[in-house]
N, C-alpha and C. Protein backbone atom coordinates (compact mmCIF):
# COMPACT_ATOMS: atom_id res chain seq x y z
N MET A 1 -2.80 1.29 31.23
CA MET A 1 -1.75 2.04 30.57
C MET A 1 -1.53 3.32 31.37
N SER A 2 -0.28 3.62 31.65
CA SER A 2 0.05 4.82 32.42
C SER A 2 -0.24 6.08 31.60
N LYS A 3 -0.36 7.18 32.31
CA LYS A 3 -0.63 8.45 31.63
C LYS A 3 0.49 8.78 30.64
N ARG A 4 1.72 8.52 31.05
CA ARG A 4 2.86 8.80 30.17
C ARG A 4 2.77 7.97 28.88
N LYS A 5 2.42 6.69 29.02
CA LYS A 5 2.31 5.82 27.85
C LYS A 5 1.12 6.23 26.98
N ARG A 6 0.00 6.64 27.60
CA ARG A 6 -1.16 7.12 26.84
C ARG A 6 -0.79 8.34 26.03
N ASN A 7 -0.04 9.27 26.64
CA ASN A 7 0.38 10.47 25.91
C ASN A 7 1.30 10.12 24.75
N ARG A 8 2.21 9.19 24.99
CA ARG A 8 3.12 8.75 23.93
C ARG A 8 2.34 8.05 22.81
N ASN A 9 1.33 7.27 23.17
CA ASN A 9 0.48 6.61 22.20
C ASN A 9 -0.26 7.65 21.36
N ARG A 10 -0.84 8.64 22.02
CA ARG A 10 -1.56 9.71 21.33
C ARG A 10 -0.62 10.46 20.39
N ARG A 11 0.59 10.76 20.86
CA ARG A 11 1.56 11.46 20.01
C ARG A 11 1.91 10.60 18.78
N GLY A 12 1.96 9.29 18.96
CA GLY A 12 2.22 8.39 17.83
C GLY A 12 1.14 8.49 16.78
N TYR A 13 -0.12 8.50 17.21
CA TYR A 13 -1.22 8.61 16.25
C TYR A 13 -1.19 9.97 15.55
N ILE A 14 -0.89 11.02 16.28
CA ILE A 14 -0.77 12.35 15.67
C ILE A 14 0.38 12.36 14.67
N LEU A 15 1.51 11.79 15.05
CA LEU A 15 2.66 11.72 14.16
C LEU A 15 2.31 10.92 12.90
N ALA A 16 1.58 9.84 13.05
CA ALA A 16 1.17 9.05 11.88
C ALA A 16 0.35 9.90 10.91
N GLY A 17 -0.57 10.69 11.45
CA GLY A 17 -1.36 11.58 10.61
C GLY A 17 -0.52 12.64 9.92
N LEU A 18 0.43 13.19 10.65
CA LEU A 18 1.32 14.20 10.07
C LEU A 18 2.21 13.61 8.97
N ILE A 19 2.64 12.38 9.16
CA ILE A 19 3.45 11.71 8.14
C ILE A 19 2.62 11.52 6.87
N ALA A 20 1.36 11.12 7.02
CA ALA A 20 0.49 10.97 5.85
C ALA A 20 0.29 12.30 5.14
N LEU A 21 0.09 13.37 5.91
CA LEU A 21 -0.06 14.70 5.30
C LEU A 21 1.21 15.12 4.58
N ALA A 22 2.36 14.83 5.16
CA ALA A 22 3.64 15.16 4.51
C ALA A 22 3.79 14.39 3.20
N ALA A 23 3.37 13.12 3.19
CA ALA A 23 3.43 12.33 1.95
C ALA A 23 2.53 12.95 0.89
N CYS A 24 1.35 13.38 1.29
CA CYS A 24 0.42 14.02 0.37
C CYS A 24 1.05 15.29 -0.23
N ALA A 25 1.66 16.09 0.62
CA ALA A 25 2.32 17.32 0.15
C ALA A 25 3.47 16.99 -0.80
N MET A 26 4.25 15.97 -0.47
CA MET A 26 5.37 15.59 -1.32
C MET A 26 4.89 15.11 -2.69
N LEU A 27 3.83 14.32 -2.71
CA LEU A 27 3.28 13.85 -3.98
C LEU A 27 2.78 15.03 -4.82
N PHE A 28 2.17 16.00 -4.15
CA PHE A 28 1.72 17.20 -4.85
C PHE A 28 2.91 17.94 -5.45
N LEU A 29 3.99 18.09 -4.65
CA LEU A 29 5.19 18.78 -5.13
C LEU A 29 5.88 18.01 -6.26
N MET A 30 5.68 16.69 -6.30
CA MET A 30 6.25 15.87 -7.37
C MET A 30 5.44 16.00 -8.66
N GLY A 31 4.31 16.69 -8.58
CA GLY A 31 3.49 16.89 -9.77
C GLY A 31 2.50 15.78 -10.06
N ARG A 32 2.23 14.94 -9.07
CA ARG A 32 1.25 13.87 -9.27
C ARG A 32 -0.13 14.49 -9.43
N PRO A 33 -0.98 13.91 -10.28
CA PRO A 33 -2.34 14.45 -10.42
C PRO A 33 -3.15 14.19 -9.15
N PRO A 34 -3.92 15.16 -8.69
CA PRO A 34 -4.71 14.96 -7.47
C PRO A 34 -5.73 13.82 -7.60
N ILE A 35 -6.40 13.76 -8.75
CA ILE A 35 -7.38 12.70 -9.02
C ILE A 35 -7.08 12.11 -10.39
N CYS A 36 -7.83 11.13 -10.77
CA CYS A 36 -7.68 10.52 -12.09
C CYS A 36 -7.76 11.61 -13.16
N THR A 37 -6.88 11.54 -14.14
CA THR A 37 -6.91 12.53 -15.21
C THR A 37 -8.18 12.40 -16.06
N CYS A 38 -8.95 11.33 -15.84
CA CYS A 38 -10.24 11.17 -16.52
C CYS A 38 -11.29 12.13 -15.95
N GLY A 39 -10.97 12.75 -14.81
CA GLY A 39 -11.86 13.74 -14.22
C GLY A 39 -12.86 13.21 -13.21
N THR A 40 -12.83 11.92 -12.94
CA THR A 40 -13.77 11.36 -11.96
C THR A 40 -12.99 10.66 -10.85
N VAL A 41 -13.69 10.41 -9.75
CA VAL A 41 -13.14 9.62 -8.65
C VAL A 41 -14.14 8.51 -8.36
N GLU A 42 -13.71 7.28 -8.57
CA GLU A 42 -14.55 6.12 -8.29
C GLU A 42 -14.14 5.53 -6.95
N TYR A 43 -15.13 5.04 -6.20
CA TYR A 43 -14.81 4.36 -4.94
C TYR A 43 -14.06 3.07 -5.24
N TRP A 44 -14.53 2.31 -6.25
CA TRP A 44 -13.90 1.05 -6.63
C TRP A 44 -13.71 1.04 -8.13
N HIS A 45 -12.51 0.73 -8.58
CA HIS A 45 -12.22 0.58 -10.00
C HIS A 45 -11.69 -0.84 -10.21
N GLY A 46 -12.56 -1.73 -10.65
CA GLY A 46 -12.20 -3.13 -10.76
C GLY A 46 -11.62 -3.54 -12.09
N ALA A 47 -11.71 -2.68 -13.09
CA ALA A 47 -11.16 -3.02 -14.41
C ALA A 47 -9.64 -2.92 -14.38
N ILE A 48 -9.00 -3.72 -15.21
CA ILE A 48 -7.54 -3.66 -15.34
C ILE A 48 -7.26 -2.83 -16.59
N ASP A 49 -7.09 -1.54 -16.36
CA ASP A 49 -6.87 -0.61 -17.47
C ASP A 49 -6.16 0.64 -16.94
N SER A 50 -6.20 1.72 -17.68
CA SER A 50 -5.48 2.94 -17.28
C SER A 50 -6.07 3.58 -16.02
N GLY A 51 -7.22 3.11 -15.56
CA GLY A 51 -7.80 3.63 -14.33
C GLY A 51 -7.21 3.03 -13.06
N ASN A 52 -6.39 1.98 -13.22
CA ASN A 52 -5.73 1.40 -12.04
C ASN A 52 -4.86 2.45 -11.37
N SER A 53 -4.86 2.43 -10.07
CA SER A 53 -4.05 3.34 -9.25
C SER A 53 -4.42 4.80 -9.45
N GLN A 54 -5.66 5.04 -9.88
CA GLN A 54 -6.12 6.41 -10.09
C GLN A 54 -7.31 6.76 -9.21
N HIS A 55 -7.98 5.76 -8.68
CA HIS A 55 -9.21 5.98 -7.92
C HIS A 55 -8.99 5.58 -6.46
N LEU A 56 -10.06 5.63 -5.66
CA LEU A 56 -9.92 5.34 -4.24
C LEU A 56 -9.47 3.92 -3.96
N SER A 57 -9.98 2.96 -4.70
CA SER A 57 -9.56 1.57 -4.46
C SER A 57 -9.65 0.78 -5.74
N ASP A 58 -8.82 -0.25 -5.80
CA ASP A 58 -8.79 -1.18 -6.92
C ASP A 58 -8.22 -2.49 -6.40
N TRP A 59 -7.95 -3.42 -7.28
CA TRP A 59 -7.46 -4.73 -6.83
C TRP A 59 -6.13 -4.62 -6.09
N TYR A 60 -5.34 -3.60 -6.41
CA TYR A 60 -4.04 -3.43 -5.74
C TYR A 60 -4.18 -2.89 -4.32
N SER A 61 -5.35 -2.42 -3.95
CA SER A 61 -5.59 -1.99 -2.57
C SER A 61 -5.42 -3.16 -1.60
N LEU A 62 -5.70 -4.38 -2.07
CA LEU A 62 -5.54 -5.56 -1.22
C LEU A 62 -4.09 -5.70 -0.76
N SER A 63 -3.16 -5.38 -1.66
CA SER A 63 -1.73 -5.47 -1.31
C SER A 63 -1.39 -4.50 -0.18
N HIS A 64 -2.01 -3.35 -0.17
CA HIS A 64 -1.70 -2.36 0.86
C HIS A 64 -2.27 -2.77 2.21
N ILE A 65 -3.38 -3.49 2.20
CA ILE A 65 -3.89 -4.06 3.45
C ILE A 65 -2.88 -5.07 3.99
N ILE A 66 -2.33 -5.88 3.11
CA ILE A 66 -1.32 -6.85 3.52
C ILE A 66 -0.06 -6.14 4.02
N HIS A 67 0.30 -5.01 3.40
CA HIS A 67 1.41 -4.20 3.94
C HIS A 67 1.15 -3.92 5.41
N GLY A 68 -0.08 -3.53 5.74
CA GLY A 68 -0.43 -3.24 7.13
C GLY A 68 -0.22 -4.44 8.04
N PHE A 69 -0.61 -5.63 7.56
CA PHE A 69 -0.38 -6.85 8.35
C PHE A 69 1.12 -7.03 8.62
N LEU A 70 1.91 -6.91 7.54
CA LEU A 70 3.35 -7.13 7.65
C LEU A 70 4.03 -6.06 8.49
N PHE A 71 3.62 -4.82 8.33
CA PHE A 71 4.23 -3.73 9.09
C PHE A 71 3.86 -3.82 10.57
N TYR A 72 2.65 -4.30 10.86
CA TYR A 72 2.30 -4.51 12.26
C TYR A 72 3.23 -5.54 12.88
N LEU A 73 3.42 -6.65 12.17
CA LEU A 73 4.30 -7.71 12.67
C LEU A 73 5.72 -7.18 12.89
N ALA A 74 6.24 -6.45 11.90
CA ALA A 74 7.60 -5.91 12.02
C ALA A 74 7.70 -4.91 13.17
N ALA A 75 6.72 -4.03 13.29
CA ALA A 75 6.75 -3.04 14.37
C ALA A 75 6.61 -3.72 15.73
N TRP A 76 5.80 -4.74 15.80
CA TRP A 76 5.65 -5.48 17.06
C TRP A 76 6.98 -6.13 17.43
N ALA A 77 7.67 -6.70 16.44
CA ALA A 77 8.93 -7.39 16.71
C ALA A 77 10.05 -6.43 17.10
N VAL A 78 10.10 -5.28 16.45
CA VAL A 78 11.21 -4.35 16.65
C VAL A 78 10.90 -3.30 17.74
N MET A 79 9.64 -2.93 17.88
CA MET A 79 9.26 -1.85 18.78
C MET A 79 8.29 -2.33 19.86
N ARG A 80 8.48 -3.52 20.33
CA ARG A 80 7.53 -4.17 21.23
C ARG A 80 7.18 -3.31 22.45
N ARG A 81 8.12 -2.56 22.96
CA ARG A 81 7.87 -1.76 24.16
C ARG A 81 7.20 -0.42 23.87
N GLN A 82 7.09 -0.09 22.59
CA GLN A 82 6.45 1.17 22.21
C GLN A 82 4.93 0.99 22.14
N PRO A 83 4.18 2.05 22.44
CA PRO A 83 2.73 1.94 22.31
C PRO A 83 2.33 1.82 20.83
N ARG A 84 1.14 1.33 20.61
CA ARG A 84 0.65 1.07 19.26
C ARG A 84 0.70 2.31 18.36
N GLY A 85 0.42 3.48 18.91
CA GLY A 85 0.45 4.70 18.10
C GLY A 85 1.83 4.97 17.51
N MET A 86 2.87 4.73 18.30
CA MET A 86 4.24 4.92 17.79
C MET A 86 4.59 3.86 16.75
N ARG A 87 4.10 2.66 16.93
CA ARG A 87 4.33 1.61 15.92
C ARG A 87 3.62 1.96 14.62
N LEU A 88 2.39 2.50 14.74
CA LEU A 88 1.67 2.92 13.55
C LEU A 88 2.43 4.04 12.84
N ALA A 89 2.99 4.97 13.60
CA ALA A 89 3.75 6.06 12.98
C ALA A 89 4.92 5.50 12.17
N ALA A 90 5.61 4.49 12.71
CA ALA A 90 6.72 3.87 11.98
C ALA A 90 6.21 3.21 10.70
N ALA A 91 5.10 2.48 10.81
CA ALA A 91 4.51 1.84 9.63
C ALA A 91 4.07 2.88 8.61
N MET A 92 3.50 3.97 9.09
CA MET A 92 3.06 5.05 8.21
C MET A 92 4.25 5.66 7.46
N ALA A 93 5.37 5.78 8.14
CA ALA A 93 6.58 6.33 7.50
C ALA A 93 7.04 5.41 6.37
N VAL A 94 7.06 4.10 6.62
CA VAL A 94 7.50 3.16 5.60
C VAL A 94 6.55 3.17 4.40
N GLU A 95 5.25 3.11 4.67
CA GLU A 95 4.26 3.11 3.58
C GLU A 95 4.31 4.41 2.80
N SER A 96 4.45 5.52 3.49
CA SER A 96 4.51 6.82 2.81
C SER A 96 5.76 6.92 1.94
N LEU A 97 6.88 6.44 2.45
CA LEU A 97 8.10 6.43 1.63
C LEU A 97 7.92 5.57 0.38
N TRP A 98 7.24 4.42 0.55
CA TRP A 98 6.99 3.59 -0.62
C TRP A 98 6.12 4.32 -1.63
N GLU A 99 5.07 4.99 -1.18
CA GLU A 99 4.19 5.71 -2.11
C GLU A 99 4.96 6.79 -2.86
N ILE A 100 5.88 7.45 -2.19
CA ILE A 100 6.69 8.48 -2.85
C ILE A 100 7.64 7.82 -3.86
N MET A 101 8.30 6.74 -3.43
CA MET A 101 9.22 6.03 -4.34
C MET A 101 8.47 5.43 -5.52
N GLU A 102 7.30 4.85 -5.25
CA GLU A 102 6.52 4.20 -6.30
C GLU A 102 6.14 5.19 -7.40
N ASN A 103 6.05 6.44 -7.07
CA ASN A 103 5.67 7.46 -8.04
C ASN A 103 6.85 8.25 -8.58
N SER A 104 8.04 7.72 -8.35
CA SER A 104 9.24 8.32 -8.93
C SER A 104 9.45 7.75 -10.33
N PRO A 105 10.08 8.50 -11.22
CA PRO A 105 10.28 8.01 -12.59
C PRO A 105 10.99 6.66 -12.66
N ILE A 106 11.94 6.39 -11.79
CA ILE A 106 12.68 5.12 -11.87
C ILE A 106 11.78 3.92 -11.58
N ILE A 107 10.89 4.04 -10.60
CA ILE A 107 9.99 2.91 -10.28
C ILE A 107 8.88 2.81 -11.32
N ILE A 108 8.35 3.94 -11.77
CA ILE A 108 7.33 3.89 -12.83
C ILE A 108 7.90 3.20 -14.06
N ASP A 109 9.12 3.55 -14.45
CA ASP A 109 9.75 2.89 -15.60
C ASP A 109 9.98 1.41 -15.34
N ARG A 110 10.34 1.07 -14.11
CA ARG A 110 10.56 -0.35 -13.76
C ARG A 110 9.26 -1.13 -13.91
N TYR A 111 8.15 -0.56 -13.43
CA TYR A 111 6.86 -1.22 -13.60
C TYR A 111 6.56 -1.45 -15.08
N ARG A 112 6.84 -0.44 -15.89
CA ARG A 112 6.55 -0.54 -17.33
C ARG A 112 7.38 -1.61 -18.02
N THR A 113 8.63 -1.77 -17.61
CA THR A 113 9.50 -2.71 -18.31
C THR A 113 9.47 -4.12 -17.72
N ALA A 114 9.29 -4.25 -16.42
CA ALA A 114 9.43 -5.56 -15.78
C ALA A 114 8.11 -6.25 -15.46
N THR A 115 7.00 -5.54 -15.52
CA THR A 115 5.72 -6.13 -15.14
C THR A 115 4.73 -5.99 -16.29
N ILE A 116 3.50 -6.43 -16.05
CA ILE A 116 2.46 -6.31 -17.07
C ILE A 116 1.85 -4.92 -17.13
N ALA A 117 2.30 -4.02 -16.27
CA ALA A 117 1.74 -2.67 -16.20
C ALA A 117 2.36 -1.76 -17.26
N LEU A 118 2.15 -2.10 -18.52
CA LEU A 118 2.82 -1.40 -19.62
C LEU A 118 2.47 0.08 -19.66
N GLY A 119 1.24 0.45 -19.42
CA GLY A 119 0.84 1.85 -19.50
C GLY A 119 0.83 2.57 -18.17
N TYR A 120 1.44 1.97 -17.15
CA TYR A 120 1.43 2.56 -15.81
C TYR A 120 2.09 3.92 -15.82
N SER A 121 1.42 4.90 -15.24
CA SER A 121 1.96 6.26 -15.20
C SER A 121 2.08 6.78 -13.77
N GLY A 122 1.94 5.89 -12.81
CA GLY A 122 1.99 6.29 -11.41
C GLY A 122 0.59 6.46 -10.85
N ASP A 123 0.54 6.78 -9.57
CA ASP A 123 -0.73 6.90 -8.87
C ASP A 123 -1.21 8.35 -8.84
N SER A 124 -2.52 8.51 -8.75
CA SER A 124 -3.05 9.82 -8.42
C SER A 124 -2.84 10.03 -6.91
N ILE A 125 -2.89 11.26 -6.47
CA ILE A 125 -2.71 11.53 -5.04
C ILE A 125 -3.82 10.87 -4.23
N VAL A 126 -5.05 10.91 -4.74
CA VAL A 126 -6.15 10.30 -3.99
C VAL A 126 -5.92 8.79 -3.85
N ASN A 127 -5.36 8.14 -4.87
CA ASN A 127 -5.07 6.72 -4.76
C ASN A 127 -3.93 6.45 -3.79
N SER A 128 -2.88 7.25 -3.85
CA SER A 128 -1.77 7.06 -2.91
C SER A 128 -2.23 7.24 -1.47
N MET A 129 -3.06 8.24 -1.22
CA MET A 129 -3.54 8.46 0.14
C MET A 129 -4.47 7.32 0.57
N SER A 130 -5.25 6.80 -0.37
CA SER A 130 -6.09 5.66 -0.06
C SER A 130 -5.23 4.43 0.23
N ASP A 131 -4.15 4.25 -0.53
CA ASP A 131 -3.23 3.13 -0.27
C ASP A 131 -2.65 3.22 1.13
N ILE A 132 -2.29 4.42 1.54
CA ILE A 132 -1.77 4.63 2.90
C ILE A 132 -2.85 4.29 3.92
N GLY A 133 -4.08 4.70 3.63
CA GLY A 133 -5.20 4.37 4.51
C GLY A 133 -5.47 2.87 4.57
N MET A 134 -5.34 2.19 3.43
CA MET A 134 -5.53 0.73 3.40
C MET A 134 -4.48 0.05 4.27
N MET A 135 -3.24 0.55 4.22
CA MET A 135 -2.20 -0.01 5.08
C MET A 135 -2.59 0.17 6.54
N ALA A 136 -3.09 1.36 6.89
CA ALA A 136 -3.50 1.62 8.27
C ALA A 136 -4.64 0.68 8.69
N LEU A 137 -5.57 0.40 7.78
CA LEU A 137 -6.64 -0.55 8.08
C LEU A 137 -6.08 -1.95 8.33
N GLY A 138 -5.13 -2.37 7.50
CA GLY A 138 -4.50 -3.67 7.70
C GLY A 138 -3.75 -3.72 9.02
N PHE A 139 -3.06 -2.63 9.37
CA PHE A 139 -2.34 -2.53 10.63
C PHE A 139 -3.32 -2.66 11.81
N ALA A 140 -4.44 -1.93 11.73
CA ALA A 140 -5.44 -1.98 12.80
C ALA A 140 -6.04 -3.37 12.93
N PHE A 141 -6.31 -4.03 11.81
CA PHE A 141 -6.84 -5.39 11.85
C PHE A 141 -5.85 -6.32 12.54
N ALA A 142 -4.59 -6.26 12.10
CA ALA A 142 -3.57 -7.15 12.68
C ALA A 142 -3.35 -6.88 14.16
N ALA A 143 -3.54 -5.63 14.58
CA ALA A 143 -3.35 -5.28 15.99
C ALA A 143 -4.44 -5.90 16.87
N ARG A 144 -5.61 -6.18 16.30
CA ARG A 144 -6.73 -6.66 17.10
C ARG A 144 -7.06 -8.13 16.87
N ALA A 145 -6.74 -8.64 15.70
CA ALA A 145 -7.11 -10.02 15.36
C ALA A 145 -6.05 -11.00 15.84
N PRO A 146 -6.45 -12.24 16.08
CA PRO A 146 -5.45 -13.25 16.41
C PRO A 146 -4.52 -13.46 15.21
N LEU A 147 -3.31 -13.87 15.49
CA LEU A 147 -2.31 -14.06 14.44
C LEU A 147 -2.82 -15.01 13.35
N TRP A 148 -3.44 -16.12 13.74
CA TRP A 148 -3.90 -17.08 12.76
C TRP A 148 -4.90 -16.46 11.79
N LEU A 149 -5.76 -15.57 12.30
CA LEU A 149 -6.76 -14.94 11.44
C LEU A 149 -6.11 -13.93 10.49
N THR A 150 -5.10 -13.21 10.98
CA THR A 150 -4.39 -12.26 10.13
C THR A 150 -3.65 -13.00 9.01
N VAL A 151 -3.00 -14.12 9.34
CA VAL A 151 -2.30 -14.92 8.33
C VAL A 151 -3.30 -15.46 7.31
N LEU A 152 -4.42 -15.98 7.79
CA LEU A 152 -5.46 -16.51 6.91
C LEU A 152 -6.01 -15.41 6.01
N ALA A 153 -6.26 -14.22 6.58
CA ALA A 153 -6.76 -13.09 5.78
C ALA A 153 -5.73 -12.68 4.72
N GLY A 154 -4.46 -12.65 5.09
CA GLY A 154 -3.41 -12.30 4.13
C GLY A 154 -3.34 -13.28 2.97
N ILE A 155 -3.40 -14.57 3.29
CA ILE A 155 -3.39 -15.59 2.24
C ILE A 155 -4.64 -15.47 1.37
N GLY A 156 -5.77 -15.24 2.01
CA GLY A 156 -7.02 -15.08 1.26
C GLY A 156 -6.98 -13.88 0.32
N LEU A 157 -6.46 -12.76 0.78
CA LEU A 157 -6.37 -11.57 -0.07
C LEU A 157 -5.41 -11.81 -1.25
N GLU A 158 -4.30 -12.50 -0.98
CA GLU A 158 -3.35 -12.81 -2.06
C GLU A 158 -4.00 -13.72 -3.10
N LEU A 159 -4.72 -14.74 -2.64
CA LEU A 159 -5.37 -15.66 -3.57
C LEU A 159 -6.50 -14.98 -4.34
N LEU A 160 -7.25 -14.12 -3.69
CA LEU A 160 -8.32 -13.38 -4.36
C LEU A 160 -7.76 -12.52 -5.48
N ALA A 161 -6.70 -11.76 -5.20
CA ALA A 161 -6.09 -10.92 -6.24
C ALA A 161 -5.50 -11.78 -7.36
N LEU A 162 -4.88 -12.89 -7.00
CA LEU A 162 -4.31 -13.78 -8.01
C LEU A 162 -5.40 -14.31 -8.93
N TRP A 163 -6.52 -14.71 -8.35
CA TRP A 163 -7.65 -15.21 -9.14
C TRP A 163 -8.26 -14.11 -10.00
N ALA A 164 -8.42 -12.91 -9.43
CA ALA A 164 -9.13 -11.84 -10.13
C ALA A 164 -8.30 -11.16 -11.22
N ILE A 165 -7.01 -10.95 -10.95
CA ILE A 165 -6.22 -10.16 -11.91
C ILE A 165 -4.86 -10.78 -12.26
N ARG A 166 -4.61 -12.00 -11.78
CA ARG A 166 -3.32 -12.66 -12.02
C ARG A 166 -2.14 -11.83 -11.52
N ASP A 167 -2.36 -11.14 -10.44
CA ASP A 167 -1.30 -10.34 -9.82
C ASP A 167 -1.63 -10.22 -8.34
N ASN A 168 -0.61 -10.03 -7.53
CA ASN A 168 -0.79 -9.81 -6.10
C ASN A 168 0.52 -9.28 -5.54
N LEU A 169 0.60 -9.11 -4.24
CA LEU A 169 1.80 -8.55 -3.63
C LEU A 169 3.01 -9.43 -3.88
N THR A 170 2.86 -10.72 -3.74
CA THR A 170 3.98 -11.63 -3.94
C THR A 170 4.53 -11.52 -5.37
N LEU A 171 3.64 -11.58 -6.37
CA LEU A 171 4.09 -11.48 -7.76
C LEU A 171 4.63 -10.10 -8.07
N ASN A 172 4.04 -9.07 -7.46
CA ASN A 172 4.52 -7.71 -7.67
C ASN A 172 5.96 -7.57 -7.20
N ILE A 173 6.26 -8.09 -6.02
CA ILE A 173 7.63 -8.03 -5.49
C ILE A 173 8.57 -8.83 -6.39
N LEU A 174 8.15 -10.04 -6.76
CA LEU A 174 8.97 -10.88 -7.64
C LEU A 174 9.29 -10.16 -8.94
N MET A 175 8.27 -9.62 -9.58
CA MET A 175 8.46 -9.03 -10.91
C MET A 175 9.24 -7.71 -10.85
N LEU A 176 9.16 -7.00 -9.75
CA LEU A 176 9.95 -5.77 -9.62
C LEU A 176 11.41 -6.07 -9.33
N THR A 177 11.67 -7.12 -8.56
CA THR A 177 13.04 -7.40 -8.14
C THR A 177 13.77 -8.39 -9.05
N TRP A 178 13.06 -9.38 -9.57
CA TRP A 178 13.67 -10.40 -10.41
C TRP A 178 12.63 -10.88 -11.42
N PRO A 179 12.42 -10.12 -12.48
CA PRO A 179 11.37 -10.45 -13.44
C PRO A 179 11.55 -11.84 -14.05
N VAL A 180 10.46 -12.56 -14.13
CA VAL A 180 10.43 -13.89 -14.72
C VAL A 180 9.55 -13.80 -15.96
N GLU A 181 10.15 -14.04 -17.10
CA GLU A 181 9.42 -13.88 -18.37
C GLU A 181 8.20 -14.78 -18.44
N ALA A 182 8.29 -15.99 -17.89
CA ALA A 182 7.15 -16.91 -17.92
C ALA A 182 5.97 -16.36 -17.11
N VAL A 183 6.26 -15.73 -15.98
CA VAL A 183 5.20 -15.12 -15.17
C VAL A 183 4.57 -13.95 -15.93
N LYS A 184 5.40 -13.13 -16.54
CA LYS A 184 4.90 -11.97 -17.31
C LYS A 184 4.01 -12.45 -18.45
N ALA A 185 4.43 -13.52 -19.14
CA ALA A 185 3.63 -14.06 -20.24
C ALA A 185 2.30 -14.60 -19.73
N TRP A 186 2.33 -15.33 -18.60
CA TRP A 186 1.10 -15.85 -18.01
C TRP A 186 0.15 -14.73 -17.60
N GLN A 187 0.70 -13.67 -16.98
CA GLN A 187 -0.12 -12.54 -16.57
C GLN A 187 -0.71 -11.83 -17.78
N SER A 188 0.01 -11.77 -18.88
CA SER A 188 -0.44 -11.07 -20.07
C SER A 188 -1.61 -11.76 -20.77
N THR A 189 -1.84 -13.03 -20.46
CA THR A 189 -2.94 -13.76 -21.12
C THR A 189 -4.27 -13.50 -20.44
N PHE A 190 -4.28 -12.64 -19.44
CA PHE A 190 -5.51 -12.35 -18.70
C PHE A 190 -6.48 -11.56 -19.54
């Protein structure tokens, strides 16, 4: 890699970090709670209750890893000539925008009405930042692993979440964009 490309790569990684910091600041300005309003921070919150999206990781963290897989693929397809750091910065921008949108009143209300997340009140800042980090982990995995392994890992994570909580990225997208009452009823029997 040429010196110019190395510098551009390094600038991409720095930009990715700055984008994450800007998302954190924006969430703070939006009035999101820094940590769970319960007063604790758990590394893993596996229960399906009001603690979802409040701690460092939960079953929905798997979806953010898959975001990383998908964003790596998209960045590779669209920005093939750019170094990996710049591609990560683009992925970081998309994930950060989603975290900000996800915590807006319109999306929170959509989750409450269209999905099984009846008591959803948005993410804590620590959870949003962890979600952004999970995306970066997925991006890094996809950047190094063979395509077949990344696809297999994505399918495995989707099936694991489906088995554990009757929800995953695919169902989340479906229920947010085109709610299916039969799916909502099936998820509610969990």
